[in-house]
C-alpha atoms as a PDB file:
ATOM      1  CA  UNK A   1       1.101  -3.981 -15.155  1.00  0.00           C
ATOM      2  CA  UNK A   2       2.938  -2.391 -12.233  1.00  0.00           C
ATOM      3  CA  UNK A   3       3.507  -2.816  -8.522  1.00  0.00           C
ATOM      4  CA  UNK A   4       0.881  -1.655  -6.034  1.00  0.00           C
ATOM      5  CA  UNK A   5       1.860  -0.047  -2.757  1.00  0.00           C
ATOM      6  CA  UNK A   6      -0.952   0.666  -0.321  1.00  0.00           C
ATOM      7  CA  UNK A   7      -1.427   1.749   3.260  1.00  0.00           C
ATOM      8  CA  UNK A   8      -3.474  -0.770   5.241  1.00  0.00           C
ATOM      9  CA  UNK A   9      -4.448   0.952   8.460  1.00  0.00           C
ATOM     10  CA  UNK A  10      -7.595   2.600   9.782  1.00  0.00           C
ATOM     11  CA  UNK A  11     -10.606   3.933   7.960  1.00  0.00           C
ATOM     12  CA  UNK A  12     -14.172   2.685   7.860  1.00  0.00           C
ATOM     13  CA  UNK A  13     -14.612   0.404   4.859  1.00  0.00           C
ATOM     14  CA  UNK A  14     -11.082   1.000   3.623  1.00  0.00           C
ATOM     15  CA  UNK A  15     -10.008  -2.654   3.850  1.00  0.00           C
ATOM     16  CA  UNK A  16     -12.826  -3.794   1.568  1.00  0.00           C
ATOM     17  CA  UNK A  17     -12.040  -0.993  -0.847  1.00  0.00           C
ATOM     18  CA  UNK A  18      -8.373  -1.993  -0.892  1.00  0.00           C
ATOM     19  CA  UNK A  19      -9.293  -5.649  -1.366  1.00  0.00           C
ATOM     20  CA  UNK A  20     -11.239  -4.742  -4.501  1.00  0.00           C
ATOM     21  CA  UNK A  21      -8.287  -2.770  -5.866  1.00  0.00           C
ATOM     22  CA  UNK A  22      -5.996  -5.734  -5.235  1.00  0.00           C
ATOM     23  CA  UNK A  23      -8.358  -8.218  -6.870  1.00  0.00           C
ATOM     24  CA  UNK A  24      -9.389  -6.186  -9.934  1.00  0.00           C
ATOM     25  CA  UNK A  25      -5.970  -5.533 -11.493  1.00  0.00           C
ATOM     26  CA  UNK A  26      -3.118  -7.833 -12.557  1.00  0.00           C
ATOM     27  CA  UNK A  27      -0.480  -6.254 -10.297  1.00  0.00           C
ATOM     28  CA  UNK A  28       3.111  -7.428 -10.722  1.00  0.00           C
ATOM     29  CA  UNK A  29       3.550  -7.250  -6.956  1.00  0.00           C
ATOM     30  CA  UNK A  30       1.561  -5.943  -3.999  1.00  0.00           C
ATOM     31  CA  UNK A  31       3.041  -4.294  -0.918  1.00  0.00           C
ATOM     32  CA  UNK A  32       0.826  -3.388   2.035  1.00  0.00           C
ATOM     33  CA  UNK A  33       2.264  -0.996   4.599  1.00  0.00           C
ATOM     34  CA  UNK A  34       0.553  -1.901   7.841  1.00  0.00           C
ATOM     35  CA  UNK A  35       0.957  -2.740  11.513  1.00  0.00           C
ATOM     36  CA  UNK A  36       0.901  -6.161  13.181  1.00  0.00           C
ATOM     37  CA  UNK A  37      -2.910  -6.075  13.510  1.00  0.00           C
ATOM     38  CA  UNK A  38      -3.305  -5.417   9.779  1.00  0.00           C
ATOM     39  CA  UNK A  39      -1.017  -8.280   8.831  1.00  0.00           C
ATOM     40  CA  UNK A  40      -2.747 -10.710  11.173  1.00  0.00           C
ATOM     41  CA  UNK A  41      -6.297  -9.774  10.181  1.00  0.00           C
ATOM     42  CA  UNK A  42      -6.370  -8.638   6.546  1.00  0.00           C
ATOM     43  CA  UNK A  43      -6.478 -12.177   5.150  1.00  0.00           C
ATOM     44  CA  UNK A  44      -9.211 -13.148   7.603  1.00  0.00           C
ATOM     45  CA  UNK A  45     -11.468 -10.303   6.489  1.00  0.00           C
ATOM     46  CA  UNK A  46     -10.571  -9.773   2.825  1.00  0.00           C
ATOM     47  CA  UNK A  47     -10.418 -12.623   0.341  1.00  0.00           C
ATOM     48  CA  UNK A  48      -7.661 -12.543  -2.248  1.00  0.00           C
ATOM     49  CA  UNK A  49      -5.641 -15.243  -3.914  1.00  0.00           C
ATOM     50  CA  UNK A  50      -2.916 -12.814  -4.873  1.00  0.00           C
ATOM     51  CA  UNK A  51       0.469 -12.830  -3.176  1.00  0.00           C
ATOM     52  CA  UNK A  52       0.760  -9.856  -0.852  1.00  0.00           C
ATOM     53  CA  UNK A  53       3.922  -8.723   0.906  1.00  0.00           C
ATOM     54  CA  UNK A  54       3.337  -6.974   4.217  1.00  0.00           C
ATOM     55  CA  UNK A  55       5.627  -4.197   5.406  1.00  0.00           C
ATOM     56  CA  UNK A  56       4.883  -4.264   9.128  1.00  0.00           C
ATOM     57  CA  UNK A  57       5.579  -1.078  11.060  1.00  0.00           C
ATOM     58  CA  UNK A  58       4.859   0.468  14.424  1.00  0.00           C
ATOM     59  CA  UNK A  59       2.967   3.579  13.347  1.00  0.00           C
ATOM     60  CA  UNK A  60       3.840   5.226  16.672  1.00  0.00           C
ATOM     61  CA  UNK A  61       7.493   5.492  15.571  1.00  0.00           C
ATOM     62  CA  UNK A  62       8.930   8.813  14.428  1.00  0.00           C
ATOM     63  CA  UNK A  63       8.419   9.667  10.761  1.00  0.00           C
ATOM     64  CA  UNK A  64      12.115   9.338   9.701  1.00  0.00           C
ATOM     65  CA  UNK A  65      12.256   5.817  11.153  1.00  0.00           C
ATOM     66  CA  UNK A  66       9.048   4.824   9.339  1.00  0.00           C
ATOM     67  CA  UNK A  67      10.427   6.139   6.054  1.00  0.00           C
ATOM     68  CA  UNK A  68      13.739   4.301   6.522  1.00  0.00           C
ATOM     69  CA  UNK A  69      11.924   1.042   7.307  1.00  0.00           C
ATOM     70  CA  UNK A  70       9.758   1.304   4.191  1.00  0.00           C
ATOM     71  CA  UNK A  71      12.746   2.140   1.985  1.00  0.00           C
ATOM     72  CA  UNK A  72      14.686  -0.833   3.386  1.00  0.00           C
ATOM     73  CA  UNK A  73      11.712  -3.146   2.824  1.00  0.00           C
ATOM     74  CA  UNK A  74      11.183  -2.043  -0.792  1.00  0.00           C
ATOM     75  CA  UNK A  75      14.797  -1.715  -1.982  1.00  0.00           C
ATOM     76  CA  UNK A  76      15.442  -3.910  -4.990  1.00  0.00           C
ATOM     77  CA  UNK A  77      11.852  -5.163  -5.176  1.00  0.00           C
ATOM     78  CA  UNK A  78      10.373  -2.658  -7.646  1.00  0.00           C
ATOM     79  CA  UNK A  79      11.628  -3.325 -11.186  1.00  0.00           C
ATOM     80  CA  UNK A  80       9.806  -0.378 -12.775  1.00  0.00           C
ATOM     81  CA  UNK A  81      10.225   3.368 -12.502  1.00  0.00           C
ATOM     82  CA  UNK A  82       6.630   3.870 -11.350  1.00  0.00           C
ATOM     83  CA  UNK A  83       4.306   2.358  -8.765  1.00  0.00           C
ATOM     84  CA  UNK A  84       0.574   2.557  -8.198  1.00  0.00           C
ATOM     85  CA  UNK A  85      -0.250   4.016  -4.788  1.00  0.00           C
ATOM     86  CA  UNK A  86      -3.456   3.686  -2.790  1.00  0.00           C
ATOM     87  CA  UNK A  87      -3.844   5.673   0.424  1.00  0.00           C
ATOM     88  CA  UNK A  88      -7.567   5.264   1.071  1.00  0.00           C
ATOM     89  CA  UNK A  89      -6.683   3.654   4.400  1.00  0.00           C
ATOM     90  CA  UNK A  90      -4.703   5.277   7.171  1.00  0.00           C
ATOM     91  CA  UNK A  91      -3.745   8.720   8.336  1.00  0.00           C
ATOM     92  CA  UNK A  92      -1.491  11.539   7.216  1.00  0.00           C
ATOM     93  CA  UNK A  93       1.645  10.372   9.018  1.00  0.00           C
ATOM     94  CA  UNK A  94       1.393   6.937   7.391  1.00  0.00           C
ATOM     95  CA  UNK A  95       0.695   8.465   3.984  1.00  0.00           C
ATOM     96  CA  UNK A  96       3.622  10.857   4.357  1.00  0.00           C
ATOM     97  CA  UNK A  97       5.982   8.008   5.243  1.00  0.00           C
ATOM     98  CA  UNK A  98       4.963   5.932   2.220  1.00  0.00           C
ATOM     99  CA  UNK A  99       5.120   8.836  -0.238  1.00  0.00           C
ATOM    100  CA  UNK A 100       8.493   9.931   1.124  1.00  0.00           C
ATOM    101  CA  UNK A 101       9.874   6.383   0.838  1.00  0.00           C
ATOM    102  CA  UNK A 102       8.676   6.066  -2.770  1.00  0.00           C
ATOM    103  CA  UNK A 103      10.381   9.342  -3.664  1.00  0.00           C
ATOM    104  CA  UNK A 104      13.598   8.390  -1.831  1.00  0.00           C
ATOM    105  CA  UNK A 105      13.684   5.218  -3.933  1.00  0.00           C
ATOM    106  CA  UNK A 106      13.605   7.404  -7.056  1.00  0.00           C
ATOM    107  CA  UNK A 107      10.225   6.101  -8.168  1.00  0.00           C
ATOM    108  CA  UNK A 108       7.326   8.004  -9.627  1.00  0.00           C
ATOM    109  CA  UNK A 109       3.810   7.175  -8.541  1.00  0.00           C
ATOM    110  CA  UNK A 110       0.257   7.323  -9.735  1.00  0.00           C
ATOM    111  CA  UNK A 111      -2.635   7.344  -7.324  1.00  0.00           C
ATOM    112  CA  UNK A 112      -5.223   4.606  -7.804  1.00  0.00           C
ATOM    113  CA  UNK A 113      -8.656   4.357  -6.235  1.00  0.00           C
ATOM    114  CA  UNK A 114     -11.900   2.474  -6.637  1.00  0.00           C
ATOM    115  CA  UNK A 115     -14.750   4.163  -8.511  1.00  0.00           C
ATOM    116  CA  UNK A 116     -18.412   3.858  -7.565  1.00  0.00           C
ATOM    117  CA  UNK A 117     -18.910   1.238 -10.260  1.00  0.00           C
ATOM    118  CA  UNK A 118     -16.054  -0.849  -8.838  1.00  0.00           C
ATOM    119  CA  UNK A 119     -13.382  -0.154 -11.419  1.00  0.00           C
ATOM    120  CA  UNK A 120      -9.846   0.924 -10.539  1.00  0.00           C
ATOM    121  CA  UNK A 121      -9.292   4.516 -11.584  1.00  0.00           C
ATOM    122  CA  UNK A 122      -6.631   7.200 -11.453  1.00  0.00           C
ATOM    123  CA  UNK A 123      -8.526  10.179 -10.031  1.00  0.00           C
END
């Protein structure tokens, strides 16, 4: 399969949606870009047996610092040339930071989402 990178932040119902995406595919690795609250509470609310790596940020930081932190956290951890990206959760600044970091790492990306029937799709 491939690695999944996802924003885990705010958005009504977005954590459950992301949990389904994590559980329904055989991801090589899973990286969740979140804040301290997300790291502390995701496992309490969403059940998954898959290994998840949290990239914990302060979303109040300036965009260049967020991008640099994500790049540093992901360097050398993605063996492929492409990642799957889910941005159902979060806001524009968080999405921009993740997309920018992926591009700075020289990776391509494909957007993944959950369909109404519960399957993972590329819209």
